[in-house]
Amino acid sequence: MVAIPTHGWFKVNVDGLVLATRPKVAIGGVMRGSNGGWMGGFDMMIGMSNIFQVESWAMLEGLKLAWAQ
């Protein structure tokens, strides 16, 4: 079940990924509007390895995406 934001609001979901087998770190996110439609998103490779830093970076990029809208 997908939670859809109320009218006039939007929702941003973000996540980070650290691969234990390779030195690769990625983040991504998606923004949906009150009708559940896709409003934007992002994905990128970053160079941090600490999971706290990775999740924090994902939240920061999600906030930047929201602010741009």
PDB file of N, CA and C in Angstrom:
ATOM      1  N   MET A   1       0.845  -1.178   0.000  1.00  0.00           N
ATOM      2  CA  MET A   1       0.000   0.000   0.000  1.00  0.00           C
ATOM      3  C   MET A   1       0.893   1.245   0.000  1.00  0.00           C
ATOM      4  N   VAL A   2       0.638   2.123  -0.930  1.00  0.00           N
ATOM      5  CA  VAL A   2       1.416   3.354  -1.064  1.00  0.00           C
ATOM      6  C   VAL A   2       0.668   4.493  -0.391  1.00  0.00           C
ATOM      7  N   ALA A   3       1.342   5.194   0.518  1.00  0.00           N
ATOM      8  CA  ALA A   3       0.732   6.352   1.177  1.00  0.00           C
ATOM      9  C   ALA A   3       0.801   7.553   0.241  1.00  0.00           C
ATOM     10  N   ILE A   4      -0.343   8.106  -0.081  1.00  0.00           N
ATOM     11  CA  ILE A   4      -0.419   9.270  -0.970  1.00  0.00           C
ATOM     12  C   ILE A   4      -0.632  10.510  -0.103  1.00  0.00           C
ATOM     13  N   PRO A   5       0.168  11.559  -0.344  1.00  0.00           N
ATOM     14  CA  PRO A   5       0.007  12.775   0.460  1.00  0.00           C
ATOM     15  C   PRO A   5      -1.317  13.472   0.185  1.00  0.00           C
ATOM     16  N   THR A   6      -1.780  14.247   1.162  1.00  0.00           N
ATOM     17  CA  THR A   6      -3.027  14.988   0.998  1.00  0.00           C
ATOM     18  C   THR A   6      -2.854  16.096  -0.035  1.00  0.00           C
ATOM     19  N   HIS A   7      -3.973  16.635  -0.499  1.00  0.00           N
ATOM     20  CA  HIS A   7      -3.979  17.660  -1.546  1.00  0.00           C
ATOM     21  C   HIS A   7      -3.080  18.841  -1.170  1.00  0.00           C
ATOM     22  N   GLY A   8      -2.255  19.268  -2.113  1.00  0.00           N
ATOM     23  CA  GLY A   8      -1.361  20.406  -1.905  1.00  0.00           C
ATOM     24  C   GLY A   8      -0.004  20.030  -1.322  1.00  0.00           C
ATOM     25  N   TRP A   9       0.192  18.748  -0.996  1.00  0.00           N
ATOM     26  CA  TRP A   9       1.450  18.280  -0.424  1.00  0.00           C
ATOM     27  C   TRP A   9       2.104  17.290  -1.379  1.00  0.00           C
ATOM     28  N   PHE A  10       3.356  16.979  -1.131  1.00  0.00           N
ATOM     29  CA  PHE A  10       4.021  15.925  -1.881  1.00  0.00           C
ATOM     30  C   PHE A  10       4.876  15.110  -0.933  1.00  0.00           C
ATOM     31  N   LYS A  11       5.331  13.961  -1.409  1.00  0.00           N
ATOM     32  CA  LYS A  11       6.073  13.018  -0.588  1.00  0.00           C
ATOM     33  C   LYS A  11       7.403  12.703  -1.263  1.00  0.00           C
ATOM     34  N   VAL A  12       8.467  12.683  -0.472  1.00  0.00           N
ATOM     35  CA  VAL A  12       9.793  12.346  -0.981  1.00  0.00           C
ATOM     36  C   VAL A  12      10.279  11.098  -0.257  1.00  0.00           C
ATOM     37  N   ASN A  13      10.649  10.061  -1.023  1.00  0.00           N
ATOM     38  CA  ASN A  13      11.242   8.844  -0.475  1.00  0.00           C
ATOM     39  C   ASN A  13      12.685   8.769  -0.947  1.00  0.00           C
ATOM     40  N   VAL A  14      13.601   8.484  -0.020  1.00  0.00           N
ATOM     41  CA  VAL A  14      15.020   8.369  -0.363  1.00  0.00           C
ATOM     42  C   VAL A  14      15.599   7.102   0.251  1.00  0.00           C
ATOM     43  N   ASP A  15      16.730   6.658  -0.310  1.00  0.00           N
ATOM     44  CA  ASP A  15      17.433   5.503   0.242  1.00  0.00           C
ATOM     45  C   ASP A  15      18.883   5.549  -0.200  1.00  0.00           C
ATOM     46  N   GLY A  16      19.715   4.840   0.546  1.00  0.00           N
ATOM     47  CA  GLY A  16      21.132   4.729   0.223  1.00  0.00           C
ATOM     48  C   GLY A  16      21.533   3.270   0.167  1.00  0.00           C
ATOM     49  N   LEU A  17      22.611   2.985  -0.544  1.00  0.00           N
ATOM     50  CA  LEU A  17      23.070   1.621  -0.731  1.00  0.00           C
ATOM     51  C   LEU A  17      24.586   1.578  -0.633  1.00  0.00           C
ATOM     52  N   VAL A  18      25.083   0.697   0.193  1.00  0.00           N
ATOM     53  CA  VAL A  18      26.518   0.461   0.316  1.00  0.00           C
ATOM     54  C   VAL A  18      26.749  -1.004  -0.012  1.00  0.00           C
ATOM     55  N   LEU A  19      27.568  -1.293  -1.024  1.00  0.00           N
ATOM     56  CA  LEU A  19      27.866  -2.672  -1.385  1.00  0.00           C
ATOM     57  C   LEU A  19      29.065  -3.162  -0.580  1.00  0.00           C
ATOM     58  N   ALA A  20      28.886  -4.270   0.106  1.00  0.00           N
ATOM     59  CA  ALA A  20      29.963  -4.832   0.927  1.00  0.00           C
ATOM     60  C   ALA A  20      31.054  -5.460   0.064  1.00  0.00           C
ATOM     61  N   THR A  21      30.691  -5.934  -1.125  1.00  0.00           N
ATOM     62  CA  THR A  21      31.651  -6.624  -1.981  1.00  0.00           C
ATOM     63  C   THR A  21      32.464  -5.683  -2.865  1.00  0.00           C
ATOM     64  N   ARG A  22      31.992  -4.460  -3.032  1.00  0.00           N
ATOM     65  CA  ARG A  22      32.691  -3.474  -3.866  1.00  0.00           C
ATOM     66  C   ARG A  22      32.642  -2.105  -3.202  1.00  0.00           C
ATOM     67  N   PRO A  23      33.618  -1.268  -3.488  1.00  0.00           N
ATOM     68  CA  PRO A  23      33.600   0.084  -2.892  1.00  0.00           C
ATOM     69  C   PRO A  23      32.661   1.031  -3.637  1.00  0.00           C
ATOM     70  N   LYS A  24      31.393   0.650  -3.750  1.00  0.00           N
ATOM     71  CA  LYS A  24      30.412   1.487  -4.445  1.00  0.00           C
ATOM     72  C   LYS A  24      29.336   1.923  -3.472  1.00  0.00           C
ATOM     73  N   VAL A  25      28.976   3.196  -3.565  1.00  0.00           N
ATOM     74  CA  VAL A  25      27.937   3.771  -2.710  1.00  0.00           C
ATOM     75  C   VAL A  25      26.991   4.553  -3.618  1.00  0.00           C
ATOM     76  N   ALA A  26      25.678   4.321  -3.470  1.00  0.00           N
ATOM     77  CA  ALA A  26      24.692   4.998  -4.306  1.00  0.00           C
ATOM     78  C   ALA A  26      23.542   5.504  -3.446  1.00  0.00           C
ATOM     79  N   ILE A  27      22.912   6.574  -3.916  1.00  0.00           N
ATOM     80  CA  ILE A  27      21.710   7.098  -3.275  1.00  0.00           C
ATOM     81  C   ILE A  27      20.675   7.371  -4.364  1.00  0.00           C
ATOM     82  N   GLY A  28      19.433   7.421  -3.970  1.00  0.00           N
ATOM     83  CA  GLY A  28      18.375   7.717  -4.915  1.00  0.00           C
ATOM     84  C   GLY A  28      17.126   8.152  -4.182  1.00  0.00           C
ATOM     85  N   GLY A  29      16.219   8.749  -4.928  1.00  0.00           N
ATOM     86  CA  GLY A  29      14.973   9.195  -4.331  1.00  0.00           C
ATOM     87  C   GLY A  29      13.932   9.496  -5.386  1.00  0.00           C
ATOM     88  N   VAL A  30      12.688   9.577  -4.940  1.00  0.00           N
ATOM     89  CA  VAL A  30      11.575   9.887  -5.828  1.00  0.00           C
ATOM     90  C   VAL A  30      10.613  10.813  -5.092  1.00  0.00           C
ATOM     91  N   MET A  31       9.974  11.699  -5.851  1.00  0.00           N
ATOM     92  CA  MET A  31       8.987  12.614  -5.283  1.00  0.00           C
ATOM     93  C   MET A  31       7.654  12.388  -5.988  1.00  0.00           C
ATOM     94  N   ARG A  32       6.582  12.246  -5.183  1.00  0.00           N
ATOM     95  CA  ARG A  32       5.236  12.040  -5.719  1.00  0.00           C
ATOM     96  C   ARG A  32       4.295  13.124  -5.205  1.00  0.00           C
ATOM     97  N   GLY A  33       3.355  13.496  -6.053  1.00  0.00           N
ATOM     98  CA  GLY A  33       2.388  14.526  -5.699  1.00  0.00           C
ATOM     99  C   GLY A  33       1.163  13.959  -5.019  1.00  0.00           C
ATOM    100  N   SER A  34       0.185  14.832  -4.738  1.00  0.00           N
ATOM    101  CA  SER A  34      -1.022  14.429  -4.015  1.00  0.00           C
ATOM    102  C   SER A  34      -1.906  13.481  -4.823  1.00  0.00           C
ATOM    103  N   ASN A  35      -1.693  13.403  -6.128  1.00  0.00           N
ATOM    104  CA  ASN A  35      -2.442  12.443  -6.946  1.00  0.00           C
ATOM    105  C   ASN A  35      -1.678  11.127  -7.103  1.00  0.00           C
ATOM    106  N   GLY A  36      -0.514  11.017  -6.457  1.00  0.00           N
ATOM    107  CA  GLY A  36       0.302   9.807  -6.538  1.00  0.00           C
ATOM    108  C   GLY A  36       1.224   9.778  -7.736  1.00  0.00           C
ATOM    109  N   GLY A  37       1.154  10.808  -8.584  1.00  0.00           N
ATOM    110  CA  GLY A  37       1.983  10.862  -9.787  1.00  0.00           C
ATOM    111  C   GLY A  37       3.427  11.250  -9.502  1.00  0.00           C
ATOM    112  N   TRP A  38       4.318  10.762 -10.339  1.00  0.00           N
ATOM    113  CA  TRP A  38       5.748  11.024 -10.213  1.00  0.00           C
ATOM    114  C   TRP A  38       6.037  12.478 -10.557  1.00  0.00           C
ATOM    115  N   MET A  39       6.731  13.203  -9.660  1.00  0.00           N
ATOM    116  CA  MET A  39       7.070  14.607  -9.888  1.00  0.00           C
ATOM    117  C   MET A  39       8.554  14.803 -10.173  1.00  0.00           C
ATOM    118  N   GLY A  40       9.366  13.845  -9.814  1.00  0.00           N
ATOM    119  CA  GLY A  40      10.801  13.958 -10.040  1.00  0.00           C
ATOM    120  C   GLY A  40      11.548  12.910  -9.247  1.00  0.00           C
ATOM    121  N   GLY A  41      12.833  12.836  -9.513  1.00  0.00           N
ATOM    122  CA  GLY A  41      13.644  11.861  -8.807  1.00  0.00           C
ATOM    123  C   GLY A  41      15.115  12.115  -9.046  1.00  0.00           C
ATOM    124  N   PHE A  42      15.937  11.331  -8.376  1.00  0.00           N
ATOM    125  CA  PHE A  42      17.379  11.446  -8.545  1.00  0.00           C
ATOM    126  C   PHE A  42      18.037  10.119  -8.213  1.00  0.00           C
ATOM    127  N   ASP A  43      19.201   9.898  -8.770  1.00  0.00           N
ATOM    128  CA  ASP A  43      20.073   8.798  -8.381  1.00  0.00           C
ATOM    129  C   ASP A  43      21.496   9.225  -8.674  1.00  0.00           C
ATOM    130  N   MET A  44      22.414   8.824  -7.817  1.00  0.00           N
ATOM    131  CA  MET A  44      23.810   9.204  -8.012  1.00  0.00           C
ATOM    132  C   MET A  44      24.730   8.295  -7.228  1.00  0.00           C
ATOM    133  N   MET A  45      25.947   8.181  -7.706  1.00  0.00           N
ATOM    134  CA  MET A  45      27.005   7.476  -6.998  1.00  0.00           C
ATOM    135  C   MET A  45      27.748   8.522  -6.178  1.00  0.00           C
ATOM    136  N   ILE A  46      28.037   8.178  -4.913  1.00  0.00           N
ATOM    137  CA  ILE A  46      28.786   9.090  -4.054  1.00  0.00           C
ATOM    138  C   ILE A  46      29.974   8.339  -3.471  1.00  0.00           C
ATOM    139  N   GLY A  47      30.915   9.055  -2.884  1.00  0.00           N
ATOM    140  CA  GLY A  47      32.141   8.437  -2.420  1.00  0.00           C
ATOM    141  C   GLY A  47      32.216   8.168  -0.936  1.00  0.00           C
ATOM    142  N   MET A  48      31.111   8.281  -0.213  1.00  0.00           N
ATOM    143  CA  MET A  48      31.154   8.058   1.232  1.00  0.00           C
ATOM    144  C   MET A  48      30.894   6.590   1.535  1.00  0.00           C
ATOM    145  N   SER A  49      31.430   6.112   2.635  1.00  0.00           N
ATOM    146  CA  SER A  49      31.253   4.694   2.944  1.00  0.00           C
ATOM    147  C   SER A  49      30.505   4.442   4.242  1.00  0.00           C
ATOM    148  N   ASN A  50      30.402   5.402   5.120  1.00  0.00           N
ATOM    149  CA  ASN A  50      29.693   5.253   6.381  1.00  0.00           C
ATOM    150  C   ASN A  50      28.186   5.307   6.101  1.00  0.00           C
ATOM    151  N   ILE A  51      27.416   4.316   6.549  1.00  0.00           N
ATOM    152  CA  ILE A  51      25.992   4.262   6.220  1.00  0.00           C
ATOM    153  C   ILE A  51      25.234   5.474   6.747  1.00  0.00           C
ATOM    154  N   PHE A  52      25.646   6.022   7.895  1.00  0.00           N
ATOM    155  CA  PHE A  52      25.009   7.232   8.412  1.00  0.00           C
ATOM    156  C   PHE A  52      25.216   8.390   7.433  1.00  0.00           C
ATOM    157  N   GLN A  53      26.431   8.529   6.903  1.00  0.00           N
ATOM    158  CA  GLN A  53      26.710   9.588   5.927  1.00  0.00           C
ATOM    159  C   GLN A  53      25.903   9.370   4.648  1.00  0.00           C
ATOM    160  N   VAL A  54      25.808   8.122   4.214  1.00  0.00           N
ATOM    161  CA  VAL A  54      25.083   7.809   2.976  1.00  0.00           C
ATOM    162  C   VAL A  54      23.604   8.168   3.119  1.00  0.00           C
ATOM    163  N   GLU A  55      22.982   7.749   4.203  1.00  0.00           N
ATOM    164  CA  GLU A  55      21.562   8.057   4.411  1.00  0.00           C
ATOM    165  C   GLU A  55      21.346   9.558   4.597  1.00  0.00           C
ATOM    166  N   SER A  56      22.276  10.229   5.273  1.00  0.00           N
ATOM    167  CA  SER A  56      22.176  11.682   5.457  1.00  0.00           C
ATOM    168  C   SER A  56      22.282  12.399   4.120  1.00  0.00           C
ATOM    169  N   TRP A  57      23.201  11.962   3.279  1.00  0.00           N
ATOM    170  CA  TRP A  57      23.370  12.565   1.950  1.00  0.00           C
ATOM    171  C   TRP A  57      22.096  12.364   1.130  1.00  0.00           C
ATOM    172  N   ALA A  58      21.482  11.180   1.218  1.00  0.00           N
ATOM    173  CA  ALA A  58      20.236  10.911   0.491  1.00  0.00           C
ATOM    174  C   ALA A  58      19.134  11.854   0.959  1.00  0.00           C
ATOM    175  N   MET A  59      19.027  12.075   2.261  1.00  0.00           N
ATOM    176  CA  MET A  59      18.014  13.007   2.783  1.00  0.00           C
ATOM    177  C   MET A  59      18.280  14.428   2.300  1.00  0.00           C
ATOM    178  N   LEU A  60      19.543  14.843   2.293  1.00  0.00           N
ATOM    179  CA  LEU A  60      19.894  16.174   1.818  1.00  0.00           C
ATOM    180  C   LEU A  60      19.492  16.353   0.361  1.00  0.00           C
ATOM    181  N   GLU A  61      19.805  15.378  -0.482  1.00  0.00           N
ATOM    182  CA  GLU A  61      19.442  15.470  -1.908  1.00  0.00           C
ATOM    183  C   GLU A  61      17.930  15.461  -2.075  1.00  0.00           C
ATOM    184  N   GLY A  62      17.215  14.699  -1.245  1.00  0.00           N
ATOM    185  CA  GLY A  62      15.747  14.700  -1.289  1.00  0.00           C
ATOM    186  C   GLY A  62      15.175  16.056  -0.935  1.00  0.00           C
ATOM    187  N   LEU A  63      15.763  16.699   0.063  1.00  0.00           N
ATOM    188  CA  LEU A  63      15.321  18.054   0.430  1.00  0.00           C
ATOM    189  C   LEU A  63      15.625  19.066  -0.669  1.00  0.00           C
ATOM    190  N   LYS A  64      16.765  18.914  -1.328  1.00  0.00           N
ATOM    191  CA  LYS A  64      17.094  19.802  -2.465  1.00  0.00           C
ATOM    192  C   LYS A  64      16.081  19.628  -3.594  1.00  0.00           C
ATOM    193  N   LEU A  65      15.710  18.379  -3.873  1.00  0.00           N
ATOM    194  CA  LEU A  65      14.717  18.109  -4.909  1.00  0.00           C
ATOM    195  C   LEU A  65      13.383  18.759  -4.548  1.00  0.00           C
ATOM    196  N   ALA A  66      12.970  18.604  -3.296  1.00  0.00           N
ATOM    197  CA  ALA A  66      11.707  19.204  -2.850  1.00  0.00           C
ATOM    198  C   ALA A  66      11.764  20.730  -2.943  1.00  0.00           C
ATOM    199  N   TRP A  67      12.860  21.312  -2.521  1.00  0.00           N
ATOM    200  CA  TRP A  67      12.994  22.764  -2.533  1.00  0.00           C
ATOM    201  C   TRP A  67      12.945  23.303  -3.968  1.00  0.00           C
ATOM    202  N   ALA A  68      13.515  22.554  -4.919  1.00  0.00           N
ATOM    203  CA  ALA A  68      13.518  22.977  -6.325  1.00  0.00           C
ATOM    204  C   ALA A  68      12.108  23.014  -6.907  1.00  0.00           C
ATOM    205  N   GLN A  69      11.200  22.236  -6.349  1.00  0.00           N
ATOM    206  CA  GLN A  69       9.817  22.209  -6.840  1.00  0.00           C
ATOM    207  C   GLN A  69       9.025  23.357  -6.249  1.00  0.00           C
TER     208      GLN A  69
END
